[in-house]
């Protein structure tokens, strides 16, 4: 049996600010993120099972990412927990969805965080192989399984 990789693409809108940064990204600004999730494994070889020939049903992968990443981060303002955050708590209507993270919400740190979340939810014989998180159309960060064992 061969090891195969399959990829599903997701889109979401998110705003962030980089606390203590020395450039314009210290201000709240948004991106149209694109997340490519690649998993690998051996396709199920059991003609009696409905998932015969699949590593994972694309619909199942969609639900995992939608429920753990997209619902949580789409249209959310993300800031570093160390940043002053009182303004978010006082303007609830404007910032109803915001996350204070234990890290700087850069593309690099977000893709690593997303990998940790997704890995925990995958079926037993399916491994997360790669995540690619586009922050802009020309800039992205990648997480690879082989680099993070």
N, C-alpha and C. Protein backbone atom coordinates (compact mmCIF):
# COMPACT_ATOMS: atom_id res chain seq x y z
N UNK A 1 0.85 -1.19 0.00
CA UNK A 1 0.00 0.00 0.00
C UNK A 1 0.88 1.24 0.00
N UNK A 2 0.43 2.28 -0.63
CA UNK A 2 1.19 3.52 -0.75
C UNK A 2 0.71 4.56 0.27
N UNK A 3 1.64 5.38 0.71
CA UNK A 3 1.29 6.52 1.55
C UNK A 3 0.88 7.66 0.62
N UNK A 4 -0.27 8.24 0.88
CA UNK A 4 -0.84 9.29 0.03
C UNK A 4 -1.07 10.53 0.88
N UNK A 5 -0.96 11.68 0.25
CA UNK A 5 -1.27 12.95 0.90
C UNK A 5 -2.48 13.58 0.22
N UNK A 6 -3.37 14.14 1.04
CA UNK A 6 -4.51 14.89 0.50
C UNK A 6 -4.54 16.25 1.19
N UNK A 7 -5.00 17.25 0.46
CA UNK A 7 -5.00 18.62 0.96
C UNK A 7 -6.38 19.24 0.78
N UNK A 8 -6.78 20.00 1.79
CA UNK A 8 -8.02 20.78 1.71
C UNK A 8 -7.69 22.23 2.05
N UNK A 9 -8.33 23.15 1.33
CA UNK A 9 -8.09 24.58 1.49
C UNK A 9 -9.25 25.23 2.23
N UNK A 10 -8.90 26.17 3.12
CA UNK A 10 -9.89 26.90 3.91
C UNK A 10 -9.59 28.39 3.82
N UNK A 11 -10.62 29.21 4.02
CA UNK A 11 -10.48 30.67 4.02
C UNK A 11 -11.14 31.23 5.28
N UNK A 12 -10.52 32.26 5.84
CA UNK A 12 -11.14 32.97 6.95
C UNK A 12 -10.54 34.37 7.05
N UNK A 13 -11.30 35.25 7.66
CA UNK A 13 -10.88 36.63 7.87
C UNK A 13 -10.50 36.79 9.34
N UNK A 14 -9.38 37.43 9.60
CA UNK A 14 -8.95 37.61 10.98
C UNK A 14 -8.14 38.89 11.08
N UNK A 15 -8.27 39.55 12.22
CA UNK A 15 -7.47 40.74 12.50
C UNK A 15 -6.50 40.42 13.62
N UNK A 16 -5.37 41.11 13.61
CA UNK A 16 -4.43 40.94 14.71
C UNK A 16 -3.62 42.22 14.86
N UNK A 17 -2.90 42.28 15.95
CA UNK A 17 -1.96 43.37 16.20
C UNK A 17 -0.74 42.73 16.84
N UNK A 18 0.44 43.18 16.44
CA UNK A 18 1.67 42.63 16.99
C UNK A 18 2.19 43.55 18.08
N UNK A 19 2.03 43.10 19.30
CA UNK A 19 2.41 43.88 20.48
C UNK A 19 3.90 44.14 20.49
N UNK A 20 4.28 45.40 20.76
CA UNK A 20 5.67 45.81 20.91
C UNK A 20 6.47 45.68 19.62
N UNK A 21 5.79 45.62 18.50
CA UNK A 21 6.44 45.50 17.19
C UNK A 21 6.92 46.87 16.74
N UNK A 22 7.96 46.92 15.91
CA UNK A 22 8.54 48.20 15.50
C UNK A 22 8.09 48.65 14.11
N UNK A 23 6.97 48.16 13.64
CA UNK A 23 6.46 48.55 12.33
C UNK A 23 4.97 48.77 12.37
N UNK A 24 4.35 49.00 11.22
CA UNK A 24 2.92 49.31 11.17
C UNK A 24 2.02 48.17 11.65
N UNK A 25 2.52 46.96 11.69
CA UNK A 25 1.69 45.82 12.13
C UNK A 25 1.46 45.82 13.64
N UNK A 26 1.97 46.83 14.32
CA UNK A 26 1.64 46.97 15.74
C UNK A 26 0.19 47.45 15.91
N UNK A 27 -0.37 47.99 14.83
CA UNK A 27 -1.76 48.45 14.84
C UNK A 27 -2.69 47.31 14.42
N UNK A 28 -3.91 47.34 14.91
CA UNK A 28 -4.88 46.32 14.51
C UNK A 28 -5.11 46.43 13.01
N UNK A 29 -5.00 45.30 12.35
CA UNK A 29 -5.22 45.22 10.91
C UNK A 29 -5.68 43.81 10.58
N UNK A 30 -6.30 43.62 9.44
CA UNK A 30 -6.86 42.32 9.10
C UNK A 30 -6.24 41.72 7.86
N UNK A 31 -6.46 40.42 7.75
CA UNK A 31 -5.99 39.65 6.59
C UNK A 31 -7.08 38.69 6.16
N UNK A 32 -7.06 38.35 4.89
CA UNK A 32 -7.87 37.26 4.36
C UNK A 32 -6.94 36.04 4.32
N UNK A 33 -7.03 35.23 5.36
CA UNK A 33 -6.14 34.08 5.48
C UNK A 33 -6.62 32.93 4.60
N UNK A 34 -5.65 32.17 4.12
CA UNK A 34 -5.92 30.93 3.41
C UNK A 34 -5.09 29.86 4.11
N UNK A 35 -5.74 28.78 4.51
CA UNK A 35 -5.08 27.69 5.23
C UNK A 35 -5.19 26.41 4.40
N UNK A 36 -4.04 25.83 4.04
CA UNK A 36 -4.02 24.55 3.34
C UNK A 36 -3.59 23.48 4.34
N UNK A 37 -4.43 22.47 4.49
CA UNK A 37 -4.19 21.39 5.45
C UNK A 37 -3.91 20.11 4.66
N UNK A 38 -2.73 19.56 4.85
CA UNK A 38 -2.34 18.32 4.17
C UNK A 38 -2.16 17.22 5.20
N UNK A 39 -2.87 16.12 4.98
CA UNK A 39 -2.73 14.95 5.84
C UNK A 39 -2.20 13.81 4.99
N UNK A 40 -1.61 12.82 5.68
CA UNK A 40 -1.09 11.67 4.94
C UNK A 40 -1.47 10.39 5.66
N UNK A 41 -1.45 9.32 4.89
CA UNK A 41 -1.75 8.01 5.43
C UNK A 41 -1.94 7.03 4.30
N UNK A 42 -2.29 5.81 4.68
CA UNK A 42 -2.60 4.79 3.70
C UNK A 42 -4.11 4.74 3.52
N UNK A 43 -4.57 4.75 2.29
CA UNK A 43 -6.02 4.66 2.07
C UNK A 43 -6.57 3.36 2.69
N UNK A 44 -7.75 3.48 3.26
CA UNK A 44 -8.41 2.33 3.86
C UNK A 44 -8.63 1.26 2.79
N UNK A 45 -8.22 0.06 3.08
CA UNK A 45 -8.36 -1.05 2.13
C UNK A 45 -9.36 -2.06 2.69
N UNK A 46 -10.61 -1.67 2.68
CA UNK A 46 -11.67 -2.55 3.18
C UNK A 46 -12.94 -2.26 2.38
N UNK A 47 -13.19 -3.07 1.33
CA UNK A 47 -14.35 -2.83 0.46
C UNK A 47 -15.68 -2.79 1.20
N UNK A 48 -15.73 -3.34 2.40
CA UNK A 48 -16.97 -3.34 3.16
C UNK A 48 -17.23 -2.05 3.92
N UNK A 49 -16.27 -1.16 3.95
CA UNK A 49 -16.41 0.10 4.70
C UNK A 49 -16.73 1.25 3.75
N UNK A 50 -17.55 2.21 4.20
CA UNK A 50 -17.92 3.33 3.33
C UNK A 50 -16.74 4.25 2.98
N UNK A 51 -15.68 4.25 3.77
CA UNK A 51 -14.52 5.11 3.50
C UNK A 51 -13.42 4.34 2.75
N UNK A 52 -13.77 3.21 2.15
CA UNK A 52 -12.82 2.39 1.39
C UNK A 52 -12.11 3.26 0.35
N UNK A 53 -10.79 3.18 0.32
CA UNK A 53 -9.99 3.93 -0.65
C UNK A 53 -9.62 5.33 -0.20
N UNK A 54 -10.04 5.73 1.01
CA UNK A 54 -9.76 7.08 1.50
C UNK A 54 -8.77 7.07 2.66
N UNK A 55 -8.00 8.15 2.76
CA UNK A 55 -7.19 8.40 3.96
C UNK A 55 -8.12 9.00 5.01
N UNK A 56 -8.87 10.00 4.57
CA UNK A 56 -9.86 10.68 5.39
C UNK A 56 -10.91 11.24 4.44
N UNK A 57 -12.12 11.22 4.83
CA UNK A 57 -13.19 11.83 4.03
C UNK A 57 -12.96 13.35 4.05
N UNK A 58 -12.96 13.99 2.89
CA UNK A 58 -12.76 15.45 2.85
C UNK A 58 -13.79 16.17 3.72
N UNK A 59 -14.99 15.63 3.80
CA UNK A 59 -16.02 16.22 4.66
C UNK A 59 -15.65 16.14 6.13
N UNK A 60 -15.02 15.04 6.54
CA UNK A 60 -14.58 14.90 7.92
C UNK A 60 -13.45 15.88 8.23
N UNK A 61 -12.51 16.02 7.29
CA UNK A 61 -11.42 16.97 7.47
C UNK A 61 -11.97 18.40 7.55
N UNK A 62 -12.95 18.69 6.70
CA UNK A 62 -13.58 20.01 6.72
C UNK A 62 -14.19 20.29 8.09
N UNK A 63 -14.90 19.32 8.65
CA UNK A 63 -15.53 19.53 9.95
C UNK A 63 -14.50 19.74 11.06
N UNK A 64 -13.41 18.99 11.02
CA UNK A 64 -12.36 19.15 12.04
C UNK A 64 -11.80 20.56 12.01
N UNK A 65 -11.43 21.04 10.83
CA UNK A 65 -10.81 22.36 10.72
C UNK A 65 -11.85 23.46 10.97
N UNK A 66 -13.03 23.28 10.45
CA UNK A 66 -14.10 24.28 10.66
C UNK A 66 -14.41 24.44 12.15
N UNK A 67 -14.53 23.32 12.86
CA UNK A 67 -14.93 23.37 14.27
C UNK A 67 -13.81 23.82 15.19
N UNK A 68 -12.55 23.58 14.83
CA UNK A 68 -11.44 23.92 15.73
C UNK A 68 -10.72 25.21 15.38
N UNK A 69 -10.71 25.58 14.12
CA UNK A 69 -9.97 26.78 13.68
C UNK A 69 -10.90 27.86 13.15
N UNK A 70 -11.67 27.54 12.13
CA UNK A 70 -12.45 28.55 11.42
C UNK A 70 -13.49 29.21 12.33
N UNK A 71 -14.30 28.43 13.02
CA UNK A 71 -15.33 29.02 13.90
C UNK A 71 -14.71 29.91 14.98
N UNK A 72 -13.57 29.51 15.45
CA UNK A 72 -12.92 30.25 16.54
C UNK A 72 -12.24 31.52 16.05
N UNK A 73 -11.57 31.47 14.89
CA UNK A 73 -10.73 32.59 14.47
C UNK A 73 -11.33 33.47 13.38
N UNK A 74 -12.35 33.01 12.67
CA UNK A 74 -12.93 33.84 11.61
C UNK A 74 -13.57 35.09 12.22
N UNK A 75 -13.23 36.24 11.69
CA UNK A 75 -13.73 37.54 12.16
C UNK A 75 -13.43 37.77 13.63
N UNK A 76 -12.24 37.39 14.04
CA UNK A 76 -11.76 37.54 15.41
C UNK A 76 -10.55 38.46 15.41
N UNK A 77 -10.43 39.27 16.46
CA UNK A 77 -9.22 40.07 16.67
C UNK A 77 -8.32 39.27 17.61
N UNK A 78 -7.08 39.06 17.20
CA UNK A 78 -6.15 38.25 17.97
C UNK A 78 -4.98 39.12 18.42
N UNK A 79 -4.72 39.06 19.73
CA UNK A 79 -3.62 39.85 20.28
C UNK A 79 -2.81 39.00 21.25
N UNK A 80 -1.62 39.44 21.51
CA UNK A 80 -0.73 38.82 22.49
C UNK A 80 -1.28 39.12 23.89
N UNK A 81 -1.30 38.12 24.75
CA UNK A 81 -1.80 38.29 26.12
C UNK A 81 -1.06 39.39 26.86
N UNK A 82 0.19 39.64 26.51
CA UNK A 82 0.98 40.67 27.19
C UNK A 82 0.57 42.09 26.80
N UNK A 83 -0.14 42.22 25.69
CA UNK A 83 -0.56 43.55 25.22
C UNK A 83 -1.68 44.08 26.11
N UNK A 84 -1.75 45.39 26.28
CA UNK A 84 -2.88 45.97 27.02
C UNK A 84 -4.18 45.57 26.33
N UNK A 85 -5.10 45.02 27.06
CA UNK A 85 -6.32 44.50 26.44
C UNK A 85 -7.60 45.09 27.03
N UNK A 86 -7.48 46.04 27.91
CA UNK A 86 -8.66 46.60 28.56
C UNK A 86 -9.65 47.18 27.56
N UNK A 87 -9.14 47.74 26.46
CA UNK A 87 -10.04 48.35 25.48
C UNK A 87 -10.98 47.32 24.87
N UNK A 88 -10.54 46.09 24.68
CA UNK A 88 -11.39 45.06 24.11
C UNK A 88 -12.53 44.70 25.06
N UNK A 89 -12.22 44.61 26.33
CA UNK A 89 -13.22 44.26 27.32
C UNK A 89 -14.25 45.36 27.50
N UNK A 90 -13.88 46.62 27.25
CA UNK A 90 -14.78 47.75 27.44
C UNK A 90 -15.63 48.05 26.20
N UNK A 91 -15.23 47.55 25.07
CA UNK A 91 -15.97 47.82 23.82
C UNK A 91 -16.48 46.48 23.28
N UNK A 92 -17.30 45.81 24.07
CA UNK A 92 -17.74 44.46 23.73
C UNK A 92 -18.46 44.37 22.39
N UNK A 93 -19.25 45.36 22.05
CA UNK A 93 -19.98 45.28 20.80
C UNK A 93 -19.04 45.35 19.61
N UNK A 94 -18.01 46.17 19.69
CA UNK A 94 -17.09 46.30 18.57
C UNK A 94 -16.13 45.12 18.49
N UNK A 95 -15.72 44.59 19.63
CA UNK A 95 -14.78 43.48 19.66
C UNK A 95 -15.39 42.29 20.38
N UNK A 96 -16.52 41.81 19.90
CA UNK A 96 -17.19 40.68 20.52
C UNK A 96 -16.33 39.42 20.45
N UNK A 97 -15.65 39.25 19.32
CA UNK A 97 -14.78 38.08 19.16
C UNK A 97 -13.33 38.53 19.20
N UNK A 98 -12.67 38.19 20.27
CA UNK A 98 -11.23 38.44 20.33
C UNK A 98 -10.57 37.34 21.14
N UNK A 99 -9.33 37.09 20.82
CA UNK A 99 -8.54 36.06 21.48
C UNK A 99 -7.26 36.69 22.00
N UNK A 100 -6.94 36.41 23.23
CA UNK A 100 -5.65 36.80 23.78
C UNK A 100 -4.80 35.54 23.83
N UNK A 101 -3.73 35.53 23.07
CA UNK A 101 -2.89 34.35 22.96
C UNK A 101 -1.66 34.48 23.86
N UNK A 102 -1.08 33.35 24.20
CA UNK A 102 0.15 33.34 25.00
C UNK A 102 1.38 33.56 24.14
N UNK A 103 1.17 33.97 22.91
CA UNK A 103 2.27 34.20 21.97
C UNK A 103 1.92 35.37 21.06
N UNK A 104 2.93 35.87 20.39
CA UNK A 104 2.74 36.93 19.40
C UNK A 104 1.99 36.32 18.21
N UNK A 105 0.85 36.87 17.79
CA UNK A 105 0.05 36.23 16.73
C UNK A 105 0.58 36.48 15.32
N UNK A 106 1.82 36.09 15.10
CA UNK A 106 2.41 36.15 13.77
C UNK A 106 1.93 34.95 12.96
N UNK A 107 2.12 35.01 11.68
CA UNK A 107 1.76 33.90 10.81
C UNK A 107 2.50 32.63 11.24
N UNK A 108 3.77 32.77 11.60
CA UNK A 108 4.59 31.63 12.00
C UNK A 108 4.07 30.96 13.27
N UNK A 109 3.71 31.77 14.25
CA UNK A 109 3.23 31.22 15.52
C UNK A 109 1.81 30.66 15.37
N UNK A 110 0.99 31.32 14.55
CA UNK A 110 -0.37 30.83 14.33
C UNK A 110 -0.38 29.47 13.63
N UNK A 111 0.47 29.29 12.62
CA UNK A 111 0.47 28.01 11.90
C UNK A 111 0.93 26.88 12.83
N UNK A 112 1.85 27.18 13.72
CA UNK A 112 2.30 26.18 14.70
C UNK A 112 1.17 25.83 15.66
N UNK A 113 0.47 26.84 16.13
CA UNK A 113 -0.66 26.64 17.04
C UNK A 113 -1.77 25.83 16.37
N UNK A 114 -2.09 26.18 15.12
CA UNK A 114 -3.12 25.45 14.39
C UNK A 114 -2.74 23.98 14.22
N UNK A 115 -1.46 23.71 13.97
CA UNK A 115 -1.00 22.33 13.81
C UNK A 115 -1.25 21.53 15.08
N UNK A 116 -0.95 22.12 16.23
CA UNK A 116 -1.17 21.43 17.50
C UNK A 116 -2.64 21.07 17.68
N UNK A 117 -3.51 21.99 17.34
CA UNK A 117 -4.96 21.77 17.50
C UNK A 117 -5.45 20.68 16.55
N UNK A 118 -5.08 20.78 15.28
CA UNK A 118 -5.59 19.85 14.27
C UNK A 118 -5.07 18.44 14.51
N UNK A 119 -3.80 18.31 14.87
CA UNK A 119 -3.21 16.98 15.10
C UNK A 119 -4.02 16.17 16.11
N UNK A 120 -4.50 16.82 17.14
CA UNK A 120 -5.24 16.13 18.20
C UNK A 120 -6.59 15.59 17.74
N UNK A 121 -7.12 16.13 16.66
CA UNK A 121 -8.48 15.78 16.22
C UNK A 121 -8.52 14.78 15.07
N UNK A 122 -7.38 14.48 14.48
CA UNK A 122 -7.36 13.59 13.32
C UNK A 122 -7.58 12.13 13.73
N UNK A 123 -8.17 11.34 12.84
CA UNK A 123 -8.32 9.91 13.12
C UNK A 123 -6.96 9.23 13.33
N UNK A 124 -6.99 8.10 13.97
CA UNK A 124 -5.79 7.40 14.40
C UNK A 124 -4.76 7.15 13.30
N UNK A 125 -5.18 6.73 12.14
CA UNK A 125 -4.23 6.38 11.07
C UNK A 125 -3.97 7.51 10.08
N UNK A 126 -4.36 8.72 10.46
CA UNK A 126 -4.15 9.89 9.60
C UNK A 126 -3.23 10.85 10.33
N UNK A 127 -2.17 11.27 9.66
CA UNK A 127 -1.18 12.17 10.26
C UNK A 127 -1.22 13.53 9.57
N UNK A 128 -1.08 14.58 10.36
CA UNK A 128 -0.93 15.91 9.77
C UNK A 128 0.47 15.98 9.18
N UNK A 129 0.56 16.26 7.90
CA UNK A 129 1.85 16.30 7.22
C UNK A 129 2.35 17.73 7.03
N UNK A 130 1.41 18.64 6.69
CA UNK A 130 1.83 20.01 6.41
C UNK A 130 0.66 20.96 6.59
N UNK A 131 0.96 22.16 7.07
CA UNK A 131 0.03 23.28 7.06
C UNK A 131 0.72 24.42 6.34
N UNK A 132 -0.01 25.11 5.52
CA UNK A 132 0.49 26.32 4.88
C UNK A 132 -0.55 27.40 5.17
N UNK A 133 -0.13 28.46 5.84
CA UNK A 133 -1.03 29.55 6.20
C UNK A 133 -0.60 30.81 5.44
N UNK A 134 -1.45 31.22 4.49
CA UNK A 134 -1.21 32.45 3.75
C UNK A 134 -1.79 33.61 4.54
N UNK A 135 -0.96 34.61 4.81
CA UNK A 135 -1.43 35.83 5.46
C UNK A 135 -1.81 36.86 4.39
N UNK A 136 -1.08 36.84 3.30
CA UNK A 136 -1.41 37.64 2.12
C UNK A 136 -1.29 36.72 0.92
N UNK A 137 -1.58 37.22 -0.27
CA UNK A 137 -1.48 36.37 -1.46
C UNK A 137 -0.05 35.96 -1.76
N UNK A 138 0.92 36.72 -1.23
CA UNK A 138 2.32 36.43 -1.54
C UNK A 138 3.16 36.02 -0.34
N UNK A 139 2.55 35.93 0.84
CA UNK A 139 3.31 35.62 2.06
C UNK A 139 2.62 34.53 2.86
N UNK A 140 3.40 33.50 3.21
CA UNK A 140 2.83 32.40 3.98
C UNK A 140 3.89 31.80 4.89
N UNK A 141 3.42 31.05 5.88
CA UNK A 141 4.28 30.27 6.77
C UNK A 141 3.85 28.81 6.65
N UNK A 142 4.82 27.91 6.78
CA UNK A 142 4.53 26.49 6.67
C UNK A 142 5.00 25.73 7.91
N UNK A 143 4.25 24.70 8.24
CA UNK A 143 4.60 23.76 9.29
C UNK A 143 4.65 22.39 8.63
N UNK A 144 5.77 21.67 8.85
CA UNK A 144 5.94 20.32 8.32
C UNK A 144 6.12 19.33 9.45
N UNK A 145 5.47 18.20 9.35
CA UNK A 145 5.58 17.15 10.36
C UNK A 145 7.03 16.74 10.58
N UNK A 146 7.77 16.51 9.49
CA UNK A 146 9.14 15.99 9.63
C UNK A 146 10.08 16.98 10.33
N UNK A 147 9.73 18.25 10.32
CA UNK A 147 10.55 19.25 11.01
C UNK A 147 10.18 19.38 12.49
N UNK A 148 9.08 18.77 12.90
CA UNK A 148 8.54 18.99 14.25
C UNK A 148 8.26 17.70 15.00
N UNK A 149 9.12 16.73 14.83
CA UNK A 149 8.95 15.45 15.55
C UNK A 149 9.56 15.53 16.92
